[in-house]
Amino acid sequence: MISSFMLLALFATVQTDGAAIRDHAPALSPDGRSIAYYSYRNGLPDIYVFDRQTGEIRQLTDTPELWEIEPFWSTDGTQLAFPAGISMRRLAFRMADIATGTTHSVPFGLRVTGPASLSADGQAFFFFERHVDGDRLWRADINGVGHLVSNRLPEGRNSIPQATPDGQSLVFLNTAPDADAADIYALDLATGAIRQISETPWDEGYLGITPDSLRVTFSAEIEGGTRDLYSLPLDEHAVARHRPAPLLSFEGNTRFFSSIGPDGTIAYDEVADDGGARIWILDPDALRPQMLPLDSYAHY
């Protein structure tokens, strides 16, 4: 299974003058106006925000000594949360206020394994912890106080938790023991019940949730040796064992991350053969996507 952290390792050469531009993990704001992403523009990756109305690009972080990746929005659009650390093996989590640009660390008292997800109300994070008796799912408030959500998770490696915008479910990946590919599961946050969403031979990853909480989007390598974007419904009780519906109706290069806005706009990153990665956007009424003009940037 290729995790988001492995993706960083694959493309983690420091960007210099003349090197391929690498912009990753676009996240549309809840109102659809802005796109947050991380980019290798000045050494290690920093967080940027692109305003779709004005075309302004604002650098939210400027920390050459830290990896800062995969931003995600609070549901009110006032904050961004993202993993950050001195190495990919030592990641903590930070939150940034969009209005002021100030950031602060979230002091978890537990060992976080992989990415965390901000809750729908923006007041807590969900994350997995590795334990000798199996993975555990925790909910920690923004002050770092943790509460155990579940220790009855599927066997194997659980990762990439994603809270649905309606606050009802947590969608995540599970790689079963001795398996090479991950499948998608959903946990009901009210009852603790866990339901398997997919059971396929394809390695699924890079999860996203549509604004209506009805579908999960993901990247998978199904045919042709190229990872592309797909989606599956979350409101069906049957486990999907068939080829999922493609998110995009046209061919392209390798695609990893996707985000869908409230009006159906799709933002995604696409990795070229030269290792460069650019962010593209497809408006609901457009026939073809457009690459965002992110060649220049300004400090937040």
C-alpha atoms as a PDB file:
ATOM      1  CA  MET A   1       0.000   0.000   0.000  1.00  0.00           C
ATOM      2  CA  ILE A   2       1.326   3.482  -0.900  1.00  0.00           C
ATOM      3  CA  SER A   3       0.610   5.892   1.944  1.00  0.00           C
ATOM      4  CA  SER A   4       0.672   9.660   1.694  1.00  0.00           C
ATOM      5  CA  PHE A   5       3.954   9.604   3.612  1.00  0.00           C
ATOM      6  CA  MET A   6       5.448   7.192   1.060  1.00  0.00           C
ATOM      7  CA  LEU A   7       4.336   9.593  -1.649  1.00  0.00           C
ATOM      8  CA  LEU A   8       6.440  12.267   0.017  1.00  0.00           C
ATOM      9  CA  ALA A   9       9.418   9.952   0.031  1.00  0.00           C
ATOM     10  CA  LEU A  10       8.991   9.262  -3.666  1.00  0.00           C
ATOM     11  CA  PHE A  11       9.018  12.951  -4.580  1.00  0.00           C
ATOM     12  CA  ALA A  12      10.979  14.400  -1.675  1.00  0.00           C
ATOM     13  CA  THR A  13      13.910  16.008  -3.466  1.00  0.00           C
ATOM     14  CA  VAL A  14      14.247  19.637  -2.446  1.00  0.00           C
ATOM     15  CA  GLN A  15      12.985  22.029  -5.114  1.00  0.00           C
ATOM     16  CA  THR A  16      15.584  24.372  -6.570  1.00  0.00           C
ATOM     17  CA  ASP A  17      15.651  26.874  -9.436  1.00  0.00           C
ATOM     18  CA  GLY A  18      14.815  25.101 -12.676  1.00  0.00           C
ATOM     19  CA  ALA A  19      13.463  21.987 -10.942  1.00  0.00           C
ATOM     20  CA  ALA A  20       9.969  20.670 -11.549  1.00  0.00           C
ATOM     21  CA  ILE A  21       7.284  22.417  -9.498  1.00  0.00           C
ATOM     22  CA  ARG A  22       5.549  20.118  -7.014  1.00  0.00           C
ATOM     23  CA  ASP A  23       2.200  21.206  -5.579  1.00  0.00           C
ATOM     24  CA  HIS A  24       0.215  18.544  -3.712  1.00  0.00           C
ATOM     25  CA  ALA A  25      -2.974  17.717  -1.790  1.00  0.00           C
ATOM     26  CA  PRO A  26      -5.431  20.457  -2.787  1.00  0.00           C
ATOM     27  CA  ALA A  27      -8.237  21.036  -0.282  1.00  0.00           C
ATOM     28  CA  LEU A  28     -11.190  23.202  -1.275  1.00  0.00           C
ATOM     29  CA  SER A  29     -12.543  25.435   1.491  1.00  0.00           C
ATOM     30  CA  PRO A  30     -16.121  24.808   2.670  1.00  0.00           C
ATOM     31  CA  ASP A  31     -17.351  27.815   0.668  1.00  0.00           C
ATOM     32  CA  GLY A  32     -15.375  26.735  -2.404  1.00  0.00           C
ATOM     33  CA  ARG A  33     -13.530  30.049  -2.697  1.00  0.00           C
ATOM     34  CA  SER A  34     -10.046  28.949  -1.641  1.00  0.00           C
ATOM     35  CA  ILE A  35      -7.739  25.989  -2.158  1.00  0.00           C
ATOM     36  CA  ALA A  36      -5.167  25.036   0.470  1.00  0.00           C
ATOM     37  CA  TYR A  37      -2.222  22.862  -0.572  1.00  0.00           C
ATOM     38  CA  TYR A  38       1.406  22.125   0.246  1.00  0.00           C
ATOM     39  CA  SER A  39       4.296  22.886  -2.049  1.00  0.00           C
ATOM     40  CA  TYR A  40       8.050  22.467  -2.304  1.00  0.00           C
ATOM     41  CA  ARG A  41       8.812  26.098  -3.164  1.00  0.00           C
ATOM     42  CA  ASN A  42      11.492  26.837  -0.594  1.00  0.00           C
ATOM     43  CA  GLY A  43      13.145  23.645   0.623  1.00  0.00           C
ATOM     44  CA  LEU A  44      10.823  21.434   2.674  1.00  0.00           C
ATOM     45  CA  PRO A  45       7.083  21.704   1.977  1.00  0.00           C
ATOM     46  CA  ASP A  46       5.050  24.668   3.278  1.00  0.00           C
ATOM     47  CA  ILE A  47       1.317  25.367   3.306  1.00  0.00           C
ATOM     48  CA  TYR A  48      -0.244  27.779   0.800  1.00  0.00           C
ATOM     49  CA  VAL A  49      -3.746  29.115   0.148  1.00  0.00           C
ATOM     50  CA  PHE A  50      -4.979  30.094  -3.323  1.00  0.00           C
ATOM     51  CA  ASP A  51      -7.939  32.490  -3.630  1.00  0.00           C
ATOM     52  CA  ARG A  52      -9.977  31.432  -6.665  1.00  0.00           C
ATOM     53  CA  GLN A  53     -11.692  34.816  -6.959  1.00  0.00           C
ATOM     54  CA  THR A  54      -8.685  37.135  -6.754  1.00  0.00           C
ATOM     55  CA  GLY A  55      -5.953  34.770  -7.943  1.00  0.00           C
ATOM     56  CA  GLU A  56      -3.900  35.674  -4.853  1.00  0.00           C
ATOM     57  CA  ILE A  57      -1.532  33.003  -3.520  1.00  0.00           C
ATOM     58  CA  ARG A  58      -0.731  33.341   0.166  1.00  0.00           C
ATOM     59  CA  GLN A  59       2.041  31.443   1.920  1.00  0.00           C
ATOM     60  CA  LEU A  60       0.650  30.371   5.264  1.00  0.00           C
ATOM     61  CA  THR A  61       3.809  28.813   6.711  1.00  0.00           C
ATOM     62  CA  ASP A  62       7.491  29.546   6.173  1.00  0.00           C
ATOM     63  CA  THR A  63       9.462  27.022   8.190  1.00  0.00           C
ATOM     64  CA  PRO A  64      12.446  25.623   6.241  1.00  0.00           C
ATOM     65  CA  GLU A  65      13.196  23.185   9.070  1.00  0.00           C
ATOM     66  CA  LEU A  66       9.766  21.505   9.124  1.00  0.00           C
ATOM     67  CA  TRP A  67       7.734  19.244   6.857  1.00  0.00           C
ATOM     68  CA  GLU A  68       4.211  20.686   6.635  1.00  0.00           C
ATOM     69  CA  ILE A  69       1.806  18.695   4.481  1.00  0.00           C
ATOM     70  CA  GLU A  70      -1.780  17.730   3.600  1.00  0.00           C
ATOM     71  CA  PRO A  71      -3.848  20.658   4.952  1.00  0.00           C
ATOM     72  CA  PHE A  72      -7.534  20.252   5.719  1.00  0.00           C
ATOM     73  CA  TRP A  73     -10.160  22.857   6.610  1.00  0.00           C
ATOM     74  CA  SER A  74     -12.384  23.315   9.621  1.00  0.00           C
ATOM     75  CA  THR A  75     -16.038  23.172   8.586  1.00  0.00           C
ATOM     76  CA  ASP A  76     -16.464  26.925   9.144  1.00  0.00           C
ATOM     77  CA  GLY A  77     -13.473  27.692   6.925  1.00  0.00           C
ATOM     78  CA  THR A  78     -11.650  29.751   9.562  1.00  0.00           C
ATOM     79  CA  GLN A  79      -8.835  27.301  10.308  1.00  0.00           C
ATOM     80  CA  LEU A  80      -6.506  24.854   8.624  1.00  0.00           C
ATOM     81  CA  ALA A  81      -5.036  21.801  10.309  1.00  0.00           C
ATOM     82  CA  PHE A  82      -2.010  19.925   8.998  1.00  0.00           C
ATOM     83  CA  PRO A  83       0.729  17.458  10.029  1.00  0.00           C
ATOM     84  CA  ALA A  84       4.108  19.061  10.718  1.00  0.00           C
ATOM     85  CA  GLY A  85       7.458  17.842  11.995  1.00  0.00           C
ATOM     86  CA  ILE A  86      11.221  17.772  11.628  1.00  0.00           C
ATOM     87  CA  SER A  87      10.957  14.476   9.733  1.00  0.00           C
ATOM     88  CA  MET A  88       8.283  12.251   8.279  1.00  0.00           C
ATOM     89  CA  ARG A  89       8.754   9.888  11.230  1.00  0.00           C
ATOM     90  CA  ARG A  90       8.204  12.644  13.804  1.00  0.00           C
ATOM     91  CA  LEU A  91       5.018  14.417  12.805  1.00  0.00           C
ATOM     92  CA  ALA A  92       2.797  16.373  15.170  1.00  0.00           C
ATOM     93  CA  PHE A  93      -0.233  18.461  14.227  1.00  0.00           C
ATOM     94  CA  ARG A  94      -0.675  22.187  13.917  1.00  0.00           C
ATOM     95  CA  MET A  95      -3.598  24.506  13.382  1.00  0.00           C
ATOM     96  CA  ALA A  96      -3.503  27.833  11.551  1.00  0.00           C
ATOM     97  CA  ASP A  97      -5.921  30.730  11.798  1.00  0.00           C
ATOM     98  CA  ILE A  98      -6.736  31.893   8.265  1.00  0.00           C
ATOM     99  CA  ALA A  99      -7.485  35.503   9.245  1.00  0.00           C
ATOM    100  CA  THR A 100      -4.297  36.124  11.211  1.00  0.00           C
ATOM    101  CA  GLY A 101      -1.935  33.480   9.831  1.00  0.00           C
ATOM    102  CA  THR A 102      -0.915  32.433  13.356  1.00  0.00           C
ATOM    103  CA  THR A 103      -0.240  28.737  13.993  1.00  0.00           C
ATOM    104  CA  HIS A 104      -0.054  26.610  17.113  1.00  0.00           C
ATOM    105  CA  SER A 105       0.708  22.993  17.945  1.00  0.00           C
ATOM    106  CA  VAL A 106      -1.884  20.495  19.140  1.00  0.00           C
ATOM    107  CA  PRO A 107      -0.296  18.791  22.185  1.00  0.00           C
ATOM    108  CA  PHE A 108      -1.418  15.175  21.878  1.00  0.00           C
ATOM    109  CA  GLY A 109      -0.310  13.075  24.824  1.00  0.00           C
ATOM    110  CA  LEU A 110      -0.397   9.906  22.714  1.00  0.00           C
ATOM    111  CA  ARG A 111       1.709   8.526  19.910  1.00  0.00           C
ATOM    112  CA  VAL A 112      -0.137   9.443  16.721  1.00  0.00           C
ATOM    113  CA  THR A 113       0.225   6.987  13.835  1.00  0.00           C
ATOM    114  CA  GLY A 114      -0.174   8.612  10.436  1.00  0.00           C
ATOM    115  CA  PRO A 115      -2.497  11.494   9.546  1.00  0.00           C
ATOM    116  CA  ALA A 116      -5.248  12.755  11.825  1.00  0.00           C
ATOM    117  CA  SER A 117      -8.616  14.183  10.825  1.00  0.00           C
ATOM    118  CA  LEU A 118     -10.374  17.248  12.204  1.00  0.00           C
ATOM    119  CA  SER A 119     -13.859  16.550  13.547  1.00  0.00           C
ATOM    120  CA  ALA A 120     -16.874  18.109  11.869  1.00  0.00           C
ATOM    121  CA  ASP A 121     -17.247  20.700  14.625  1.00  0.00           C
ATOM    122  CA  GLY A 122     -13.557  21.629  14.431  1.00  0.00           C
ATOM    123  CA  GLN A 123     -13.030  20.949  18.130  1.00  0.00           C
ATOM    124  CA  ALA A 124     -11.156  17.634  18.032  1.00  0.00           C
ATOM    125  CA  PHE A 125      -8.903  15.331  16.027  1.00  0.00           C
ATOM    126  CA  PHE A 126      -9.366  11.659  15.237  1.00  0.00           C
ATOM    127  CA  PHE A 127      -6.270   9.480  14.898  1.00  0.00           C
ATOM    128  CA  PHE A 128      -5.031   5.917  15.206  1.00  0.00           C
ATOM    129  CA  GLU A 129      -2.547   4.614  17.749  1.00  0.00           C
ATOM    130  CA  ARG A 130      -0.576   1.399  17.273  1.00  0.00           C
ATOM    131  CA  HIS A 131      -0.898  -0.950  20.235  1.00  0.00           C
ATOM    132  CA  VAL A 132       0.352  -4.451  20.983  1.00  0.00           C
ATOM    133  CA  ASP A 133      -3.268  -5.668  21.171  1.00  0.00           C
ATOM    134  CA  GLY A 134      -4.304  -3.962  17.923  1.00  0.00           C
ATOM    135  CA  ASP A 135      -4.921  -0.467  16.652  1.00  0.00           C
ATOM    136  CA  ARG A 136      -6.896   2.022  18.695  1.00  0.00           C
ATOM    137  CA  LEU A 137      -8.919   4.984  17.485  1.00  0.00           C
ATOM    138  CA  TRP A 138      -8.748   8.137  19.592  1.00  0.00           C
ATOM    139  CA  ARG A 139     -10.508  11.467  19.684  1.00  0.00           C
ATOM    140  CA  ALA A 140      -8.455  14.296  21.189  1.00  0.00           C
ATOM    141  CA  ASP A 141      -9.698  17.839  21.683  1.00  0.00           C
ATOM    142  CA  ILE A 142      -7.644  20.799  20.467  1.00  0.00           C
ATOM    143  CA  ASN A 143      -6.015  21.005  23.903  1.00  0.00           C
ATOM    144  CA  GLY A 144      -4.709  17.460  23.506  1.00  0.00           C
ATOM    145  CA  VAL A 145      -7.066  15.684  25.928  1.00  0.00           C
ATOM    146  CA  GLY A 146      -7.751  12.241  24.447  1.00  0.00           C
ATOM    147  CA  HIS A 147     -10.719   9.873  24.646  1.00  0.00           C
ATOM    148  CA  LEU A 148     -10.732   6.319  23.321  1.00  0.00           C
ATOM    149  CA  VAL A 149     -13.303   5.890  20.526  1.00  0.00           C
ATOM    150  CA  SER A 150     -12.729   2.231  19.652  1.00  0.00           C
ATOM    151  CA  ASN A 151     -10.298  -0.614  20.255  1.00  0.00           C
ATOM    152  CA  ARG A 152     -12.374  -3.061  18.199  1.00  0.00           C
ATOM    153  CA  LEU A 153     -11.048  -2.169  14.794  1.00  0.00           C
ATOM    154  CA  PRO A 154     -10.464  -4.530  11.856  1.00  0.00           C
ATOM    155  CA  GLU A 155      -7.311  -6.604  12.169  1.00  0.00           C
ATOM    156  CA  GLY A 156      -4.270  -5.278  10.368  1.00  0.00           C
ATOM    157  CA  ARG A 157      -3.138  -1.718   9.767  1.00  0.00           C
ATOM    158  CA  ASN A 158      -5.739   1.048  10.046  1.00  0.00           C
ATOM    159  CA  SER A 159      -4.923   4.499   8.705  1.00  0.00           C
ATOM    160  CA  ILE A 160      -6.044   7.774   7.115  1.00  0.00           C
ATOM    161  CA  PRO A 161      -9.152   8.588   9.211  1.00  0.00           C
ATOM    162  CA  GLN A 162     -11.540  11.040   7.535  1.00  0.00           C
ATOM    163  CA  ALA A 163     -14.491  12.522   9.426  1.00  0.00           C
ATOM    164  CA  THR A 164     -17.579  13.085   7.298  1.00  0.00           C
ATOM    165  CA  PRO A 165     -18.807  16.698   7.165  1.00  0.00           C
ATOM    166  CA  ASP A 166     -22.132  15.730   8.780  1.00  0.00           C
ATOM    167  CA  GLY A 167     -20.249  14.477  11.848  1.00  0.00           C
ATOM    168  CA  GLN A 168     -21.862  11.048  11.761  1.00  0.00           C
ATOM    169  CA  SER A 169     -19.086   8.776  10.500  1.00  0.00           C
ATOM    170  CA  LEU A 170     -15.364   8.264  10.264  1.00  0.00           C
ATOM    171  CA  VAL A 171     -14.067   6.718   7.043  1.00  0.00           C
ATOM    172  CA  PHE A 172     -10.660   5.007   7.071  1.00  0.00           C
ATOM    173  CA  LEU A 173      -8.396   2.501   5.345  1.00  0.00           C
ATOM    174  CA  ASN A 174      -7.566  -0.996   6.530  1.00  0.00           C
ATOM    175  CA  THR A 175      -4.845  -3.267   5.196  1.00  0.00           C
ATOM    176  CA  ALA A 176      -5.568  -6.775   6.427  1.00  0.00           C
ATOM    177  CA  PRO A 177      -2.751  -8.998   7.758  1.00  0.00           C
ATOM    178  CA  ASP A 178      -0.639 -10.397   4.900  1.00  0.00           C
ATOM    179  CA  ALA A 179      -2.530  -8.197   2.389  1.00  0.00           C
ATOM    180  CA  ASP A 180      -0.900  -5.798  -0.051  1.00  0.00           C
ATOM    181  CA  ALA A 181      -3.945  -3.640  -0.781  1.00  0.00           C
ATOM    182  CA  ALA A 182      -6.086  -1.473   1.473  1.00  0.00           C
ATOM    183  CA  ASP A 183      -9.882  -1.454   1.624  1.00  0.00           C
ATOM    184  CA  ILE A 184     -12.234   1.261   2.867  1.00  0.00           C
ATOM    185  CA  TYR A 185     -14.266   1.092   6.080  1.00  0.00           C
ATOM    186  CA  ALA A 186     -16.655   3.437   7.894  1.00  0.00           C
ATOM    187  CA  LEU A 187     -17.291   3.745  11.632  1.00  0.00           C
ATOM    188  CA  ASP A 188     -20.571   5.132  12.989  1.00  0.00           C
ATOM    189  CA  LEU A 189     -19.492   7.667  15.621  1.00  0.00           C
ATOM    190  CA  ALA A 190     -22.782   7.361  17.515  1.00  0.00           C
ATOM    191  CA  THR A 191     -22.939   3.570  17.817  1.00  0.00           C
ATOM    192  CA  GLY A 192     -19.341   2.442  17.171  1.00  0.00           C
ATOM    193  CA  ALA A 193     -20.537   0.059  14.458  1.00  0.00           C
ATOM    194  CA  ILE A 194     -18.006  -0.557  11.678  1.00  0.00           C
ATOM    195  CA  ARG A 195     -19.001  -1.313   8.097  1.00  0.00           C
ATOM    196  CA  GLN A 196     -16.764  -2.371   5.221  1.00  0.00           C
ATOM    197  CA  ILE A 197     -17.231  -0.140   2.171  1.00  0.00           C
ATOM    198  CA  SER A 198     -14.971  -1.895  -0.345  1.00  0.00           C
ATOM    199  CA  GLU A 199     -13.379  -5.288  -0.865  1.00  0.00           C
ATOM    200  CA  THR A 200     -11.335  -5.184  -4.047  1.00  0.00           C
ATOM    201  CA  PRO A 201      -7.887  -6.254  -5.273  1.00  0.00           C
ATOM    202  CA  TRP A 202      -6.920  -2.615  -5.878  1.00  0.00           C
ATOM    203  CA  ASP A 203      -4.919  -0.615  -3.373  1.00  0.00           C
ATOM    204  CA  GLU A 204      -7.114   2.313  -2.341  1.00  0.00           C
ATOM    205  CA  GLY A 205      -5.739   5.425  -0.685  1.00  0.00           C
ATOM    206  CA  TYR A 206      -5.770   9.227  -0.350  1.00  0.00           C
ATOM    207  CA  LEU A 207      -9.332   9.420   0.931  1.00  0.00           C
ATOM    208  CA  GLY A 208     -11.699  12.352   0.640  1.00  0.00           C
ATOM    209  CA  ILE A 209     -15.368  12.874   1.494  1.00  0.00           C
ATOM    210  CA  THR A 210     -17.886  14.779  -0.604  1.00  0.00           C
ATOM    211  CA  PRO A 211     -19.530  17.805   1.092  1.00  0.00           C
ATOM    212  CA  ASP A 212     -22.871  15.969   1.357  1.00  0.00           C
ATOM    213  CA  SER A 213     -21.156  13.058   3.180  1.00  0.00           C
ATOM    214  CA  LEU A 214     -22.633  10.588   0.675  1.00  0.00           C
ATOM    215  CA  ARG A 215     -19.504   9.461  -1.188  1.00  0.00           C
ATOM    216  CA  VAL A 216     -15.855   8.700  -0.494  1.00  0.00           C
ATOM    217  CA  THR A 217     -13.243   9.646  -3.080  1.00  0.00           C
ATOM    218  CA  PHE A 218      -9.897   7.909  -3.376  1.00  0.00           C
ATOM    219  CA  SER A 219      -6.927   7.094  -5.578  1.00  0.00           C
ATOM    220  CA  ALA A 220      -6.272   3.580  -6.877  1.00  0.00           C
ATOM    221  CA  GLU A 221      -4.209   1.814  -9.523  1.00  0.00           C
ATOM    222  CA  ILE A 222      -6.778  -0.258 -11.405  1.00  0.00           C
ATOM    223  CA  GLU A 223      -5.459  -0.507 -14.918  1.00  0.00           C
ATOM    224  CA  GLY A 224      -2.661   0.804 -17.085  1.00  0.00           C
ATOM    225  CA  GLY A 225      -0.190   1.128 -14.222  1.00  0.00           C
ATOM    226  CA  THR A 226      -1.409   4.641 -13.377  1.00  0.00           C
ATOM    227  CA  ARG A 227      -3.182   5.716 -10.200  1.00  0.00           C
ATOM    228  CA  ASP A 228      -6.420   7.568 -10.889  1.00  0.00           C
ATOM    229  CA  LEU A 229      -9.340   8.986  -8.915  1.00  0.00           C
ATOM    230  CA  TYR A 230     -12.554   7.113  -8.104  1.00  0.00           C
ATOM    231  CA  SER A 231     -15.544   7.291  -5.775  1.00  0.00           C
ATOM    232  CA  LEU A 232     -17.914   4.961  -3.943  1.00  0.00           C
ATOM    233  CA  PRO A 233     -21.204   5.603  -2.112  1.00  0.00           C
ATOM    234  CA  LEU A 234     -21.217   5.614   1.673  1.00  0.00           C
ATOM    235  CA  ASP A 235     -24.974   5.159   2.054  1.00  0.00           C
ATOM    236  CA  GLU A 236     -25.218   1.646   0.633  1.00  0.00           C
ATOM    237  CA  HIS A 237     -25.117  -1.416   2.882  1.00  0.00           C
ATOM    238  CA  ALA A 238     -23.584  -3.790   0.335  1.00  0.00           C
ATOM    239  CA  VAL A 239     -19.796  -4.071   0.167  1.00  0.00           C
ATOM    240  CA  ALA A 240     -18.470  -2.818  -3.177  1.00  0.00           C
ATOM    241  CA  ARG A 241     -16.526  -5.557  -4.956  1.00  0.00           C
ATOM    242  CA  HIS A 242     -16.783  -4.117  -8.470  1.00  0.00           C
ATOM    243  CA  ARG A 243     -14.751  -1.518 -10.319  1.00  0.00           C
ATOM    244  CA  PRO A 244     -15.576   1.874  -8.757  1.00  0.00           C
ATOM    245  CA  ALA A 245     -16.915   4.844 -10.690  1.00  0.00           C
ATOM    246  CA  PRO A 246     -14.186   7.143 -12.050  1.00  0.00           C
ATOM    247  CA  LEU A 247     -14.180  10.630 -10.584  1.00  0.00           C
ATOM    248  CA  LEU A 248     -12.954  12.109 -13.869  1.00  0.00           C
ATOM    249  CA  SER A 249     -13.999  11.134 -17.397  1.00  0.00           C
ATOM    250  CA  PHE A 250     -10.703  11.799 -19.167  1.00  0.00           C
ATOM    251  CA  GLU A 251      -7.212  10.314 -19.057  1.00  0.00           C
ATOM    252  CA  GLY A 252      -4.224  11.983 -17.470  1.00  0.00           C
ATOM    253  CA  ASN A 253      -1.059  11.403 -15.499  1.00  0.00           C
ATOM    254  CA  THR A 254      -0.869   9.823 -12.049  1.00  0.00           C
ATOM    255  CA  ARG A 255      -3.398  11.377  -9.641  1.00  0.00           C
ATOM    256  CA  PHE A 256      -3.315  11.086  -5.855  1.00  0.00           C
ATOM    257  CA  PHE A 257      -5.308  13.671  -3.893  1.00  0.00           C
ATOM    258  CA  SER A 258      -8.749  15.084  -4.691  1.00  0.00           C
ATOM    259  CA  SER A 259     -11.182  17.494  -3.082  1.00  0.00           C
ATOM    260  CA  ILE A 260     -14.768  18.378  -4.010  1.00  0.00           C
ATOM    261  CA  GLY A 261     -16.348  21.770  -3.343  1.00  0.00           C
ATOM    262  CA  PRO A 262     -19.945  22.559  -2.379  1.00  0.00           C
ATOM    263  CA  ASP A 263     -20.894  23.269  -6.006  1.00  0.00           C
ATOM    264  CA  GLY A 264     -19.314  20.070  -7.337  1.00  0.00           C
ATOM    265  CA  THR A 265     -15.983  21.620  -8.342  1.00  0.00           C
ATOM    266  CA  ILE A 266     -13.177  19.055  -8.280  1.00  0.00           C
ATOM    267  CA  ALA A 267      -9.593  19.956  -7.377  1.00  0.00           C
ATOM    268  CA  TYR A 268      -6.834  17.360  -7.708  1.00  0.00           C
ATOM    269  CA  ASP A 269      -3.094  16.980  -8.114  1.00  0.00           C
ATOM    270  CA  GLU A 270      -1.446  15.264 -11.058  1.00  0.00           C
ATOM    271  CA  VAL A 271       2.133  13.968 -11.104  1.00  0.00           C
ATOM    272  CA  ALA A 272       3.998  14.169 -14.407  1.00  0.00           C
ATOM    273  CA  ASP A 273       6.716  11.863 -15.704  1.00  0.00           C
ATOM    274  CA  ASP A 274       9.422  14.391 -14.714  1.00  0.00           C
ATOM    275  CA  GLY A 275       8.336  14.217 -11.052  1.00  0.00           C
ATOM    276  CA  GLY A 276       6.583  17.574 -11.117  1.00  0.00           C
ATOM    277  CA  ALA A 277       3.112  17.832  -9.603  1.00  0.00           C
ATOM    278  CA  ARG A 278       0.535  20.480 -10.420  1.00  0.00           C
ATOM    279  CA  ILE A 279      -2.963  21.215  -9.173  1.00  0.00           C
ATOM    280  CA  TRP A 280      -5.879  21.112 -11.578  1.00  0.00           C
ATOM    281  CA  ILE A 281      -9.475  22.200 -11.157  1.00  0.00           C
ATOM    282  CA  LEU A 282     -12.619  21.085 -12.966  1.00  0.00           C
ATOM    283  CA  ASP A 283     -15.648  23.351 -12.645  1.00  0.00           C
ATOM    284  CA  PRO A 284     -19.094  21.691 -12.856  1.00  0.00           C
ATOM    285  CA  ASP A 285     -19.924  23.331 -16.185  1.00  0.00           C
ATOM    286  CA  ALA A 286     -16.481  22.887 -17.766  1.00  0.00           C
ATOM    287  CA  LEU A 287     -15.617  20.259 -20.352  1.00  0.00           C
ATOM    288  CA  ARG A 288     -11.927  20.118 -19.468  1.00  0.00           C
ATOM    289  CA  PRO A 289      -9.935  20.954 -16.328  1.00  0.00           C
ATOM    290  CA  GLN A 290      -7.583  23.901 -15.962  1.00  0.00           C
ATOM    291  CA  MET A 291      -4.191  23.902 -14.293  1.00  0.00           C
ATOM    292  CA  LEU A 292      -4.030  26.494 -11.530  1.00  0.00           C
ATOM    293  CA  PRO A 293      -1.549  29.368 -12.088  1.00  0.00           C
ATOM    294  CA  LEU A 294       0.567  28.718  -9.009  1.00  0.00           C
ATOM    295  CA  ASP A 295       3.970  29.643 -10.428  1.00  0.00           C
ATOM    296  CA  SER A 296       4.316  32.732  -8.249  1.00  0.00           C
ATOM    297  CA  TYR A 297       3.494  33.132  -4.579  1.00  0.00           C
ATOM    298  CA  ALA A 298       3.427  35.730  -1.797  1.00  0.00           C
ATOM    299  CA  HIS A 299       3.866  35.414   1.947  1.00  0.00           C
ATOM    300  CA  TYR A 300       0.726  35.300   4.047  1.00  0.00           C
END
